[in-house]
C-alpha cells in the first residue's frame, strides 16, 4: 500500500475485517518538525453486483462450509 511519502508498506488484513474499519500504521503519516504522525487506513470492500453461475456455485459452497464449521464448534 502506498504511503504519504511515496514509499510502500505491507498491511496485513485479518479475515473477517469489515468494510469501513480503520487501521493505524504507526509513524507513516504526516511529518512535522516535531514528529511523524500515524497513517490511518480505512478498509473499503467492494462486493460484485453481477456474478456468473460458476462464481455463484463457488460462493454457495463456501457458505455451506462456513455453516458446517460453525455447527462443529
C-alpha atoms as a PDB file:
ATOM      1  CA  UNK A   1       0.000   0.000   0.000  1.00  0.00           C
ATOM      2  CA  UNK A   2       1.462   3.410  -0.885  1.00  0.00           C
ATOM      3  CA  UNK A   3       2.176   5.864   1.923  1.00  0.00           C
ATOM      4  CA  UNK A   4       2.197   9.665   2.010  1.00  0.00           C
ATOM      5  CA  UNK A   5       5.965   9.851   1.374  1.00  0.00           C
ATOM      6  CA  UNK A   6       5.729   7.691  -1.760  1.00  0.00           C
ATOM      7  CA  UNK A   7       7.112   4.512  -0.180  1.00  0.00           C
ATOM      8  CA  UNK A   8       5.068   1.359   0.396  1.00  0.00           C
ATOM      9  CA  UNK A   9       4.089  -0.693   3.428  1.00  0.00           C
ATOM     10  CA  UNK A  10       2.521  -4.121   3.724  1.00  0.00           C
ATOM     11  CA  UNK A  11      -0.704  -4.054   5.710  1.00  0.00           C
ATOM     12  CA  UNK A  12      -1.959  -7.469   6.776  1.00  0.00           C
ATOM     13  CA  UNK A  13      -5.739  -7.581   6.892  1.00  0.00           C
ATOM     14  CA  UNK A  14      -7.243 -10.265   9.133  1.00  0.00           C
ATOM     15  CA  UNK A  15     -10.065 -12.421   7.838  1.00  0.00           C
ATOM     16  CA  UNK A  16     -13.447 -11.090   8.841  1.00  0.00           C
ATOM     17  CA  UNK A  17     -12.332  -7.454   8.582  1.00  0.00           C
ATOM     18  CA  UNK A  18     -15.381  -5.362   7.755  1.00  0.00           C
ATOM     19  CA  UNK A  19     -15.670  -2.556   5.224  1.00  0.00           C
ATOM     20  CA  UNK A  20     -15.279   0.801   6.956  1.00  0.00           C
ATOM     21  CA  UNK A  21     -12.932  -0.474   9.673  1.00  0.00           C
ATOM     22  CA  UNK A  22      -9.905   1.715  10.366  1.00  0.00           C
ATOM     23  CA  UNK A  23      -6.316   0.585  10.927  1.00  0.00           C
ATOM     24  CA  UNK A  24      -3.315   2.579  12.171  1.00  0.00           C
ATOM     25  CA  UNK A  25       0.143   2.407  10.563  1.00  0.00           C
ATOM     26  CA  UNK A  26       2.385   3.976  13.198  1.00  0.00           C
ATOM     27  CA  UNK A  27       4.903   6.602  12.097  1.00  0.00           C
ATOM     28  CA  UNK A  28       3.873   6.637   8.419  1.00  0.00           C
ATOM     29  CA  UNK A  29       1.565   9.683   8.442  1.00  0.00           C
ATOM     30  CA  UNK A  30       2.263  13.391   8.024  1.00  0.00           C
ATOM     31  CA  UNK A  31       5.737  14.592   9.071  1.00  0.00           C
ATOM     32  CA  UNK A  32       6.149  17.735  11.162  1.00  0.00           C
ATOM     33  CA  UNK A  33       9.285  19.252  12.662  1.00  0.00           C
ATOM     34  CA  UNK A  34       8.401  17.622  15.982  1.00  0.00           C
ATOM     35  CA  UNK A  35       7.366  14.122  14.896  1.00  0.00           C
ATOM     36  CA  UNK A  36       5.748  11.915  12.257  1.00  0.00           C
ATOM     37  CA  UNK A  37       2.098  11.050  12.779  1.00  0.00           C
ATOM     38  CA  UNK A  38       0.309   7.796  12.150  1.00  0.00           C
ATOM     39  CA  UNK A  39      -1.333   6.869   8.852  1.00  0.00           C
ATOM     40  CA  UNK A  40      -4.981   5.860   9.255  1.00  0.00           C
ATOM     41  CA  UNK A  41      -6.222   3.372   6.638  1.00  0.00           C
ATOM     42  CA  UNK A  42      -9.932   2.793   6.031  1.00  0.00           C
ATOM     43  CA  UNK A  43     -10.865  -0.579   4.528  1.00  0.00           C
ATOM     44  CA  UNK A  44     -13.256  -0.359   1.577  1.00  0.00           C
ATOM     45  CA  UNK A  45     -14.620  -3.732   0.448  1.00  0.00           C
ATOM     46  CA  UNK A  46     -16.350  -3.852  -2.933  1.00  0.00           C
ATOM     47  CA  UNK A  47     -18.937  -6.579  -3.492  1.00  0.00           C
ATOM     48  CA  UNK A  48     -19.582  -7.518  -7.130  1.00  0.00           C
ATOM     49  CA  UNK A  49     -23.095  -6.771  -8.367  1.00  0.00           C
ATOM     50  CA  UNK A  50     -23.060  -9.475 -11.054  1.00  0.00           C
ATOM     51  CA  UNK A  51     -21.606 -12.953 -10.690  1.00  0.00           C
ATOM     52  CA  UNK A  52     -21.509 -15.838 -13.117  1.00  0.00           C
ATOM     53  CA  UNK A  53     -23.239 -19.171 -12.453  1.00  0.00           C
ATOM     54  CA  UNK A  54     -19.848 -20.736 -11.669  1.00  0.00           C
ATOM     55  CA  UNK A  55     -18.961 -17.936  -9.220  1.00  0.00           C
ATOM     56  CA  UNK A  56     -22.351 -18.251  -7.514  1.00  0.00           C
ATOM     57  CA  UNK A  57     -21.867 -22.023  -7.127  1.00  0.00           C
ATOM     58  CA  UNK A  58     -18.454 -21.473  -5.528  1.00  0.00           C
ATOM     59  CA  UNK A  59     -19.844 -18.825  -3.162  1.00  0.00           C
ATOM     60  CA  UNK A  60     -22.643 -21.174  -2.134  1.00  0.00           C
ATOM     61  CA  UNK A  61     -20.113 -23.974  -1.495  1.00  0.00           C
ATOM     62  CA  UNK A  62     -18.117 -21.611   0.735  1.00  0.00           C
ATOM     63  CA  UNK A  63     -21.283 -20.649   2.605  1.00  0.00           C
ATOM     64  CA  UNK A  64     -22.092 -24.319   3.208  1.00  0.00           C
ATOM     65  CA  UNK A  65     -18.569 -24.949   4.522  1.00  0.00           C
ATOM     66  CA  UNK A  66     -18.830 -21.913   6.795  1.00  0.00           C
ATOM     67  CA  UNK A  67     -22.208 -23.056   8.164  1.00  0.00           C
ATOM     68  CA  UNK A  68     -20.867 -26.578   8.727  1.00  0.00           C
ATOM     69  CA  UNK A  69     -17.791 -25.334  10.588  1.00  0.00           C
ATOM     70  CA  UNK A  70     -19.995 -23.161  12.853  1.00  0.00           C
ATOM     71  CA  UNK A  71     -22.018 -26.235  13.853  1.00  0.00           C
ATOM     72  CA  UNK A  72     -18.888 -28.268  14.707  1.00  0.00           C
ATOM     73  CA  UNK A  73     -17.648 -25.768  17.288  1.00  0.00           C
END
